[in-house]
Protein backbone atom coordinates (compact mmCIF):
# COMPACT_ATOMS: atom_id res chain seq x y z
CA MET A 1 98.44 64.38 131.05
CA TRP A 2 100.70 63.86 134.08
CA GLN A 3 101.39 60.48 133.56
CA ALA A 4 102.72 61.40 129.77
CA PHE A 5 104.72 64.18 131.35
CA ARG A 6 106.32 61.67 133.95
CA ASN A 7 106.54 58.98 130.73
CA GLY A 8 108.01 61.57 128.05
CA SER A 9 105.03 60.02 125.97
CA VAL A 10 102.24 62.40 124.08
CA TYR A 11 99.47 63.01 125.31
CA ASP A 12 96.74 63.39 122.41
CA LEU A 13 93.31 64.28 122.73
CA ARG A 14 92.56 64.36 118.63
CA SER A 15 89.16 63.19 117.65
CA GLY A 16 90.33 61.48 114.38
CA ASP A 17 87.94 63.88 111.94
CA ALA A 18 90.49 66.63 110.23
CA ALA A 19 87.83 68.97 109.97
CA VAL A 20 87.18 68.62 113.69
CA ASP A 21 90.73 68.47 114.58
CA ASP A 22 92.02 71.72 112.43
CA PRO A 23 92.83 74.11 115.35
CA HIS A 24 92.13 77.17 112.75
CA GLY A 25 88.52 76.16 111.87
CA GLY A 26 85.66 76.94 113.39
CA HIS A 27 84.60 73.70 114.93
CA PRO A 28 84.25 74.19 119.03
CA TRP A 29 85.87 72.19 121.14
CA GLY A 30 84.57 71.20 124.30
CA PRO A 31 85.92 70.86 128.17
CA GLU A 32 86.83 67.02 127.27
CA ARG A 33 89.43 68.61 125.43
CA SER A 34 90.71 71.63 127.53
CA VAL A 35 93.39 72.06 130.04
CA ARG A 36 94.18 75.34 132.11
CA ALA A 37 96.91 77.19 131.03
CA ARG A 38 98.24 77.42 134.71
CA ILE A 39 98.27 73.51 135.05
CA VAL A 40 100.98 73.44 131.90
CA ALA A 41 102.49 76.37 133.35
CA TRP A 42 103.28 74.39 136.81
CA LEU A 43 104.58 71.13 135.07
CA LEU A 44 106.92 73.09 132.77
CA LEU A 45 108.32 75.34 135.85
CA ASP A 46 108.14 72.85 138.83
CA GLY A 47 106.65 69.27 137.29
CA PRO A 48 106.97 65.83 138.46
CA PRO A 49 110.16 64.11 138.22
CA ALA A 50 109.96 61.34 135.09
CA LEU A 51 109.88 57.94 135.82
CA PRO A 52 112.81 55.63 136.49
CA GLY A 53 114.34 55.69 133.20
CA ARG A 54 112.56 58.15 131.39
CA VAL A 55 112.83 61.75 130.58
CA SER A 56 109.84 64.09 131.60
CA SER A 57 108.92 66.28 128.80
CA LEU A 58 105.50 67.82 127.63
CA LYS A 59 104.05 66.40 123.75
CA LEU A 60 100.16 67.42 123.73
CA PHE A 61 98.44 67.03 120.37
CA GLY A 62 94.58 68.79 119.89
CA VAL A 63 94.59 70.09 122.83
CA GLN A 64 92.84 73.63 123.80
CA ILE A 65 94.60 75.57 126.60
CA VAL A 66 92.46 77.92 128.41
CA GLY A 67 93.82 81.12 129.94
CA VAL A 68 97.22 82.81 129.87
CA LEU A 69 100.06 80.77 129.50
CA ASP A 70 102.35 82.63 131.47
CA LEU A 71 106.10 81.52 131.44
CA ALA A 72 107.76 84.80 131.93
CA GLY A 73 110.85 84.77 133.36
CA GLY A 74 110.95 81.17 133.94
CA LEU A 75 113.41 78.28 133.74
CA VAL A 76 111.82 75.59 131.80
CA LEU A 77 114.19 72.07 131.38
CA PRO A 78 111.97 69.95 129.71
CA TYR A 79 111.26 69.72 126.09
CA VAL A 80 108.28 71.24 124.93
CA GLU A 81 106.19 70.13 121.94
CA LEU A 82 102.83 70.97 120.77
CA LYS A 83 101.04 70.29 117.81
CA GLY A 84 97.85 71.66 116.12
CA CYS A 85 96.68 73.23 119.83
CA ARG A 86 94.49 76.20 119.95
CA PHE A 87 95.29 78.59 122.54
CA GLU A 88 92.22 80.72 123.81
CA LYS A 89 94.82 83.54 125.14
CA GLU A 90 98.50 84.75 124.38
CA ILE A 91 101.92 83.33 125.16
CA LEU A 92 104.09 84.94 128.11
CA LEU A 93 108.35 84.10 127.81
CA PRO A 94 109.48 87.03 128.76
CA GLU A 95 113.17 86.39 129.84
CA ALA A 96 112.23 82.81 130.10
CA ARG A 97 114.68 79.99 129.35
CA LEU A 98 113.71 76.99 127.74
CA THR A 99 116.00 74.38 126.28
CA THR A 100 113.78 73.51 122.95
CA LEU A 101 110.17 75.05 122.25
CA ARG A 102 108.04 73.09 119.12
CA LEU A 103 104.61 74.80 118.44
CA LEU A 104 103.20 73.43 115.24
CA ASP A 105 100.35 74.20 113.69
CA CYS A 106 98.74 75.86 116.53
CA SER A 107 96.39 78.59 116.78
CA ILE A 108 97.89 81.50 118.98
CA PRO A 109 96.40 84.67 119.85
CA ARG A 110 99.75 86.24 120.24
CA LEU A 111 103.20 85.26 121.81
CA GLU A 112 105.70 87.48 123.84
CA ALA A 113 108.78 86.55 123.97
CA ALA A 114 110.70 89.31 124.68
CA ARG A 115 114.64 88.45 125.45
CA LEU A 116 114.18 84.66 125.78
CA HIS A 117 116.59 82.70 126.08
CA THR A 118 116.44 79.05 124.22
CA GLU A 119 119.72 76.57 123.93
CA GLY A 120 117.93 74.92 120.59
CA ASP A 121 115.39 75.49 118.08
CA LEU A 122 111.98 77.40 118.53
CA HIS A 123 109.79 76.29 115.98
CA LEU A 124 106.32 78.22 114.67
CA ALA A 125 105.90 76.39 111.67
CA ARG A 126 102.36 76.23 110.12
CA CYS A 127 101.11 78.09 113.10
CA ARG A 128 98.51 80.93 113.39
CA LEU A 129 99.23 83.46 115.21
CA GLN A 130 96.16 86.51 115.31
CA HIS A 131 98.20 89.77 116.88
CA GLY A 132 101.90 89.32 116.08
CA ILE A 133 105.61 87.91 117.84
CA ARG A 134 107.60 89.99 119.83
CA LEU A 135 110.96 88.40 119.87
CA THR A 136 112.83 91.46 120.96
CA ASP A 137 116.29 90.64 122.20
CA ALA A 138 116.08 87.08 121.98
CA HIS A 139 118.42 84.43 121.73
CA ILE A 140 117.64 81.39 120.00
CA GLY A 141 120.55 78.81 120.61
CA THR A 142 120.09 76.92 117.07
CA ASP A 143 117.22 77.49 114.46
CA LEU A 144 114.41 79.45 114.22
CA LEU A 145 111.42 78.07 112.43
CA LEU A 146 108.34 80.17 111.11
CA ASN A 147 107.63 78.24 107.77
CA GLN A 148 104.19 78.12 106.41
CA ALA A 149 103.30 80.65 109.39
CA VAL A 150 100.51 82.86 109.04
CA VAL A 151 101.20 86.19 111.44
CA TYR A 152 98.72 88.98 111.68
CA ARG A 153 100.10 92.59 113.01
CA ASP A 154 98.87 93.94 116.55
CA ARG A 155 98.16 97.37 117.46
CA ARG A 156 101.22 98.80 116.08
CA SER A 157 100.89 97.20 112.47
CA ARG A 158 103.84 94.88 113.19
CA ALA A 159 103.36 91.29 112.76
CA ILE A 160 106.93 90.43 113.95
CA MET A 161 109.28 92.32 116.53
CA GLY A 162 112.31 90.94 115.79
CA ASP A 163 115.11 94.18 116.81
CA GLY A 164 117.84 92.64 118.26
CA LEU A 165 117.21 89.20 117.58
CA SER A 166 119.97 86.44 117.38
CA VAL A 167 119.64 83.20 116.01
CA GLY A 168 122.73 80.69 116.23
CA GLN A 169 121.96 78.83 113.24
CA ASP A 170 119.15 79.21 110.30
CA LEU A 171 115.82 81.53 110.23
CA GLN A 172 113.69 79.85 107.91
CA ALA A 173 110.06 81.92 107.38
CA GLU A 174 109.56 79.67 104.16
CA LEU A 175 106.11 79.86 102.77
CA MET A 176 105.62 82.60 105.53
CA GLU A 177 102.46 85.14 105.01
CA SER A 178 103.00 88.26 106.72
CA TYR A 179 100.43 90.95 107.55
CA GLY A 180 102.18 93.63 108.81
CA GLU A 181 105.73 94.99 109.59
CA LEU A 182 108.21 92.40 109.84
CA SER A 183 111.05 94.20 112.10
CA LEU A 184 114.49 92.63 112.48
CA ARG A 185 116.53 95.43 113.24
CA GLY A 186 119.85 94.78 114.24
CA ALA A 187 119.19 90.82 114.64
CA GLN A 188 122.45 88.50 114.03
CA ILE A 189 121.42 85.39 112.33
CA GLY A 190 124.54 82.32 112.43
CA VAL A 191 124.28 80.79 109.06
CA SER A 192 121.05 82.13 106.60
CA LEU A 193 118.17 83.61 106.34
CA SER A 194 115.43 82.64 104.36
CA LEU A 195 111.99 84.23 102.95
CA ARG A 196 111.34 81.89 100.13
CA GLY A 197 108.27 81.76 98.54
CA SER A 198 107.23 84.05 101.34
CA ARG A 199 104.58 86.68 100.93
CA LEU A 200 105.08 90.06 103.25
CA PHE A 201 102.15 92.49 103.23
CA HIS A 202 101.90 96.49 104.51
CA PRO A 203 100.94 97.92 101.54
CA HIS A 204 100.00 101.11 103.56
CA GLY A 205 102.61 101.35 106.15
CA ARG A 206 106.16 102.46 105.12
CA ARG A 207 108.34 99.15 105.04
CA ALA A 208 107.03 94.98 105.21
CA LEU A 209 110.60 94.23 105.84
CA ASN A 210 112.52 96.71 108.48
CA ALA A 211 116.18 94.98 108.83
CA PRO A 212 118.67 98.23 108.98
CA GLN A 213 121.80 96.70 110.51
CA LEU A 214 120.77 92.82 110.04
CA THR A 215 123.78 90.49 109.95
CA VAL A 216 123.50 87.20 107.91
CA GLU A 217 126.89 85.36 108.39
CA ARG A 218 125.66 83.19 104.53
CA SER A 219 122.71 84.16 102.56
CA LEU A 220 119.50 86.10 102.45
CA TYR A 221 117.00 84.28 99.98
CA LEU A 222 114.56 86.09 98.34
CA THR A 223 113.46 83.33 96.03
CA PRO A 224 110.53 80.88 95.33
CA ALA A 225 110.16 77.77 97.71
CA SER A 226 108.46 74.18 96.85
CA VAL A 227 105.09 74.57 97.55
CA ALA A 228 104.84 70.77 98.46
CA ASP A 229 107.15 70.36 100.73
CA PRO A 230 109.23 73.36 101.71
CA VAL A 231 111.06 71.64 104.64
CA LEU A 232 112.70 69.06 102.56
CA THR A 233 113.22 71.49 99.52
CA SER A 234 115.02 74.24 101.59
CA GLY A 235 117.79 75.44 99.66
CA ALA A 236 117.53 72.54 97.06
CA THR A 237 116.72 73.38 93.66
CA PRO A 238 113.25 72.47 93.50
CA ALA A 239 112.56 69.20 90.79
CA ARG A 240 111.00 69.79 87.24
CA GLY A 241 107.68 70.40 87.53
CA THR A 242 107.61 70.88 91.01
CA ARG A 243 104.76 73.83 91.80
CA VAL A 244 106.65 76.76 93.49
CA GLN A 245 105.93 80.76 94.98
CA ARG A 246 107.91 82.85 94.66
CA PHE A 247 108.90 85.85 97.30
CA GLU A 248 106.68 88.76 97.02
CA CYS A 249 106.56 92.00 98.93
CA HIS A 250 103.94 94.29 99.29
CA GLY A 251 105.81 97.22 100.80
CA GLY A 252 108.86 98.88 101.48
CA ILE A 253 112.00 96.71 101.97
CA ARG A 254 115.00 98.48 104.45
CA LEU A 255 118.36 96.18 104.38
CA ASP A 256 120.61 99.36 105.07
CA ASP A 257 123.17 98.95 106.30
CA GLY A 258 123.49 95.22 106.70
CA ARG A 259 126.50 92.56 106.44
CA PHE A 260 125.81 89.52 104.44
CA GLY A 261 128.91 87.04 104.47
CA ASP A 262 127.78 85.05 100.97
CA ALA A 263 124.91 86.18 98.84
CA ILE A 264 122.10 88.53 98.85
CA ASP A 265 119.85 86.40 96.28
CA MET A 266 116.51 87.88 94.80
CA GLU A 267 116.03 85.46 92.01
CA GLN A 268 112.22 85.94 90.62
CA ALA A 269 110.90 87.86 93.58
CA ARG A 270 108.72 90.46 93.45
CA PHE A 271 108.10 93.83 94.86
CA VAL A 272 105.04 95.62 94.82
CA LEU A 273 105.14 99.66 96.08
CA GLU A 274 103.84 102.57 96.19
CA ASN A 275 105.74 105.34 94.74
CA ASP A 276 106.72 107.10 98.14
CA GLN A 277 108.26 102.95 99.32
CA GLU A 278 111.56 101.66 97.93
CA VAL A 279 113.87 98.48 98.23
CA SER A 280 116.37 100.09 100.31
CA LEU A 281 120.15 98.39 100.30
CA ARG A 282 122.38 101.66 101.60
CA ARG A 283 125.57 100.71 102.28
CA VAL A 284 124.80 96.86 102.16
CA GLN A 285 128.18 94.53 101.90
CA THR A 286 127.92 91.53 100.65
CA PRO A 287 130.12 89.36 97.82
CA GLU A 288 127.13 88.90 95.33
CA LEU A 289 123.79 90.74 94.82
CA ARG A 290 122.07 88.65 92.36
CA PHE A 291 118.93 91.36 91.42
CA LEU A 292 116.94 88.60 89.18
CA GLY A 293 113.28 89.78 90.74
CA GLU A 294 110.60 91.52 88.68
CA ARG A 295 111.00 94.65 87.90
CA PRO A 296 108.89 97.01 90.53
CA GLN A 297 106.31 99.05 88.64
CA ARG A 298 106.17 101.96 91.01
CA GLY A 299 108.68 103.20 93.90
CA ARG A 300 112.28 103.19 94.18
CA VAL A 301 115.36 101.27 94.43
CA VAL A 302 118.19 102.26 96.18
CA LEU A 303 122.07 101.10 96.18
CA SER A 304 123.63 104.33 97.27
CA GLY A 305 127.02 103.17 99.31
CA ALA A 306 126.61 99.70 98.67
CA ARG A 307 129.68 97.50 98.30
CA ILE A 308 129.16 94.69 95.91
CA VAL A 309 131.86 91.81 94.72
CA THR A 310 130.01 90.35 92.08
CA LEU A 311 126.69 91.71 90.83
CA VAL A 312 124.26 89.04 88.95
CA ASP A 313 121.47 91.10 87.30
CA LYS A 314 119.29 91.19 84.07
CA ALA A 315 118.04 94.18 82.37
CA ALA A 316 114.54 93.04 82.83
CA SER A 317 114.60 93.67 86.88
CA TRP A 318 115.66 97.48 87.23
CA PRO A 319 113.69 99.97 87.04
CA ARG A 320 113.26 102.27 84.59
CA ALA A 321 114.21 106.13 84.90
CA GLY A 322 113.69 107.90 88.24
CA GLY A 323 113.17 104.46 89.82
CA LEU A 324 116.84 103.46 90.60
CA SER A 325 119.87 105.07 92.97
CA MET A 326 122.75 104.03 92.93
CA GLY A 327 125.27 107.13 94.40
CA GLY A 328 128.84 105.42 95.88
CA PHE A 329 127.62 102.43 94.66
CA SER A 330 130.90 99.97 94.24
CA TYR A 331 130.98 96.84 92.67
CA GLU A 332 134.18 94.95 91.28
CA SER A 333 132.24 92.69 87.90
CA LEU A 334 128.90 92.18 86.48
CA VAL A 335 127.59 88.82 85.44
CA PRO A 336 124.54 89.48 83.50
CA ARG A 337 121.53 86.78 83.03
CA GLY A 338 120.36 87.15 79.34
CA PRO A 339 120.93 89.43 77.07
CA PHE A 340 122.30 92.44 78.72
CA SER A 341 124.06 95.06 75.82
CA LEU A 342 126.04 97.85 76.67
CA SER A 343 123.30 99.85 75.12
CA LEU A 344 120.96 98.55 77.85
CA ARG A 345 123.92 99.52 80.50
CA LEU A 346 124.36 102.54 79.66
CA GLU A 347 120.12 103.01 79.58
CA TRP A 348 120.51 101.17 83.29
CA LEU A 349 122.67 103.87 84.17
CA ALA A 350 120.59 106.85 82.51
CA ALA A 351 118.08 105.30 84.96
CA ALA A 352 119.89 105.69 87.71
CA THR A 353 121.41 109.37 87.21
CA PRO A 354 117.66 111.42 85.93
CA GLU A 355 120.36 114.50 86.90
CA TYR A 356 123.91 113.86 85.25
CA ASN A 357 126.48 112.23 87.67
CA PRO A 358 129.60 110.98 86.31
CA GLU A 359 130.59 108.45 89.11
CA PRO A 360 128.57 105.66 88.13
CA TYR A 361 129.94 106.11 84.40
CA GLU A 362 133.23 105.88 85.77
CA LYS A 363 132.48 103.02 88.14
CA LEU A 364 131.16 101.03 85.07
CA ALA A 365 134.26 101.74 82.80
CA ALA A 366 136.17 101.18 85.53
CA VAL A 367 134.98 97.49 85.89
CA LEU A 368 134.89 97.01 81.99
CA ARG A 369 138.16 97.98 81.68
CA SER A 370 139.39 95.70 84.62
CA SER A 371 137.80 92.84 82.67
CA GLY A 372 139.45 93.69 79.50
CA GLU A 373 136.80 95.27 77.85
CA ASP A 374 138.39 98.52 77.00
CA ALA A 375 136.32 99.36 73.83
CA GLU A 376 133.33 99.29 75.97
CA ALA A 377 134.71 101.31 78.36
CA ARG A 378 135.25 103.93 76.06
CA VAL A 379 131.98 103.76 74.83
CA VAL A 380 131.08 104.48 78.78
CA LEU A 381 132.94 107.45 78.93
CA LEU A 382 132.00 108.94 75.55
CA ALA A 383 128.52 108.56 76.80
CA LYS A 384 129.77 110.52 79.90
CA GLN A 385 131.11 113.38 77.89
CA ARG A 386 127.56 113.66 75.77
CA ARG A 387 125.56 113.76 79.47
CA ARG A 388 127.56 116.26 80.99
CA ARG A 389 127.31 118.14 77.62
CA ALA A 390 123.75 118.98 77.94
CA THR A 391 124.14 120.73 81.59
CA LEU A 392 127.44 122.65 79.83
CA PRO A 393 126.15 126.46 78.67
CA LEU A 394 125.82 127.24 75.57
CA ALA A 395 129.66 128.17 74.24
CA ALA A 396 130.96 124.85 75.93
CA LYS A 397 128.28 123.06 74.43
CA LEU A 398 128.98 123.88 70.91
CA TRP A 399 132.53 123.38 71.63
CA GLY A 400 131.22 119.82 73.08
CA TYR A 401 129.68 119.56 70.44
CA ALA A 402 133.12 120.07 68.08
CA GLN A 403 135.07 117.34 69.97
CA ASP A 404 132.43 115.05 69.66
CA TRP A 405 131.87 115.52 66.04
CA THR A 406 136.12 115.44 64.90
CA VAL A 407 137.91 113.18 68.00
CA ALA A 408 134.54 111.25 69.95
CA TYR A 409 136.06 113.36 72.81
CA GLY A 410 139.25 111.89 72.57
CA TYR A 411 138.04 107.87 72.97
CA ARG A 412 138.10 107.73 69.32
CA PRO A 413 141.13 108.78 67.96
CA GLY A 414 141.41 107.38 64.28
CA ARG A 415 138.62 109.85 63.62
CA ALA A 416 141.46 112.45 64.06
CA ALA A 417 143.41 110.72 61.10
CA LEU A 418 140.45 110.79 59.63
CA TRP A 419 138.77 114.26 59.23
CA MET A 420 142.50 115.51 58.62
CA ALA A 421 143.01 113.00 55.57
CA VAL A 422 139.30 114.35 54.32
CA LEU A 423 140.23 118.20 54.66
CA TRP A 424 143.40 117.59 53.66
CA ALA A 425 142.69 115.80 50.03
CA ALA A 426 139.62 118.57 49.72
CA SER A 427 141.80 121.02 49.96
CA ALA A 428 144.42 120.08 47.99
CA ILE A 429 142.10 119.52 45.35
CA ALA A 430 140.61 122.64 45.78
CA PHE A 431 144.22 124.63 45.65
CA SER A 432 145.94 122.88 43.18
CA HIS A 433 142.66 124.74 40.27
CA ALA A 434 143.81 128.24 42.25
CA SER A 435 145.50 130.65 40.87
CA HIS A 436 148.89 131.48 42.88
CA PRO A 437 150.75 134.03 41.94
CA PRO A 438 154.57 134.61 43.52
CA ILE A 439 154.59 136.98 46.47
CA LYS A 440 158.38 137.83 45.11
CA ALA A 441 159.45 136.32 41.50
CA GLU A 442 162.92 135.71 42.59
CA GLU A 443 162.18 133.58 46.59
CA HIS A 444 159.63 131.07 45.99
CA PRO A 445 159.61 126.91 46.05
CA ASP A 446 157.98 125.70 43.10
CA TRP A 447 154.48 125.40 43.74
CA ASN A 448 152.99 122.00 45.03
CA ALA A 449 148.76 122.50 45.80
CA PRO A 450 148.99 118.96 48.57
CA LEU A 451 151.93 120.55 49.88
CA PHE A 452 150.40 123.85 50.46
CA ALA A 453 146.91 123.29 51.57
CA LEU A 454 148.79 120.51 54.25
CA ASP A 455 150.94 123.72 55.35
CA LEU A 456 147.77 125.66 55.57
CA LEU A 457 145.74 122.77 58.03
CA ILE A 458 148.74 121.84 60.11
CA PRO A 459 149.53 124.63 63.02
CA VAL A 460 152.51 125.81 63.92
CA ILE A 461 154.68 123.64 61.69
CA ASN A 462 156.10 125.41 58.55
CA LEU A 463 156.57 123.38 55.59
CA GLY A 464 158.21 125.74 53.41
CA GLN A 465 154.85 126.43 51.26
CA ASP A 466 152.67 128.95 52.89
CA GLY A 467 153.89 132.89 52.88
CA TYR A 468 155.16 132.62 49.39
CA TRP A 469 151.88 132.94 46.91
CA LYS A 470 149.90 135.60 46.31
CA LEU A 471 146.12 134.26 46.41
CA HIS A 472 143.14 136.59 45.22
CA SER A 473 139.76 137.05 46.31
CA GLY A 474 137.76 133.67 47.31
CA TRP A 475 140.79 131.57 47.41
CA GLN A 476 142.15 133.98 50.42
CA TRP A 477 138.79 133.10 52.64
CA ALA A 478 139.17 129.62 51.83
CA ALA A 479 143.08 129.44 52.84
CA ALA A 480 141.34 131.40 56.14
CA VAL A 481 139.25 128.39 56.07
CA VAL A 482 141.48 125.87 56.21
CA ILE A 483 143.26 127.33 58.93
CA CYS A 484 140.98 127.67 61.14
CA LEU A 485 139.76 124.27 60.59
CA GLY A 486 143.41 123.18 61.35
CA TRP A 487 143.23 124.73 64.44
CA ILE A 488 140.15 123.75 66.28
CA LEU A 489 141.11 120.01 64.76
CA ALA A 490 144.46 120.13 66.30
CA THR A 491 143.05 121.70 69.40
CA THR A 492 140.16 119.17 69.58
CA VAL A 493 143.01 116.61 69.69
CA ALA A 494 145.03 117.95 71.95
CA ALA A 495 141.84 117.97 74.20
CA GLY A 496 141.22 114.67 73.72
CA ALA A 497 144.78 113.53 74.21
CA THR A 498 145.37 115.35 77.44
CA ARG A 499 141.92 113.62 78.28
CA LEU A 500 143.37 109.97 77.32
CA LEU A 501 146.39 110.42 79.82
CA ARG A 502 144.86 112.05 82.42
CA ARG A 503 142.24 108.51 82.33
CA GLY A 504 145.38 106.53 82.06
């Protein structure tokens, strides 16, 4: 191993039998495959110089490292790659500084790496960690790779502690399995954060992914990944026929106050929530939200205060009534995936407002109007008035029904002309059969039943018929009814026109 370090070559103790060499299997490895952790630390912190023309590096394959590998606070300059190794005890890297560290397909009890600083990558692909990872306030110069890793929880039920973590480029955790809370509070990712095909399990805790104030310069991917080779297919659409695994989260998700430069993509994501758990996107800011996953059967989706430019969604992804909250949710355009009729969109609003709230209706109407869908915007505003009517006292509710039946709260102005024509025609036909002696025999115009009916129906305006004729018994009541209907119609038309003018 000493000579391999000076050469920069691989020190390989694998037997060639896949079952025996499996670091996660139960086959014991004897002392012939064991190296003391303090010897590894000595090589890395103060090892011998490289041979002439060579670059020193530590490359161990199939080695069992006995004892605690303690590099806390140390400066490690050589390149480090350990593949298919077993660690008897935890790895300690707090405040250590390294160039690149690659641990591939290793069995590790625990990784303690708070305030770790690497100039290059930190790879933990296909590793299994029995008691979690701590990367609090760590700085990774380029990429952090956790593809296909399996991470179990620590004593505090946390699988990965990455609060304050800074990654210069990508954080890839594709097809990862996490059994405990994945915490990335205040983390900063220089390019993208990919959880494609990963499965996060923390059903009895509050959250499986806890990442408030997370900053991702490009996109967050909670999407499917190819099972065959996640490295080659990362970021690409898998070829037809390729077996894929979708992202699953058994427990709550918290992305409150996050900033995402390109998008949050939830294509085919599956959220398994308890009644008190949430997919929380409060005050999130991103140009695009692709809410295209499976409908959560329990729990809530919260978009309160989120600011989105483009919302890409489908009707089957949103939770049912009581499972959605979006007070203060701002978006500028809608791009539905698949059929999403206006009636379904109104059901979406109703699901978000178990108690009446005008804001979501007004926001949807504004978005529809800005895209040229004025007729659909009026339908949304009419639905808002009908929801509001249910909260009013009886007298106001009756007045609301009158406005709805006559002019649809002013959003269907053509209905007023129709009502006016029907009432005018009915009253003109009726009064043409009425007895109508003049009040003054010498001071009256010629009798004109249609004009008389119109004079009664239109308030304020005098057409020269009303007041000159004497009606008896039931015809007086008929005239009174026409006058009342005319006033109701005129008042509702005025209320609707006022609403239209105020909206404009």
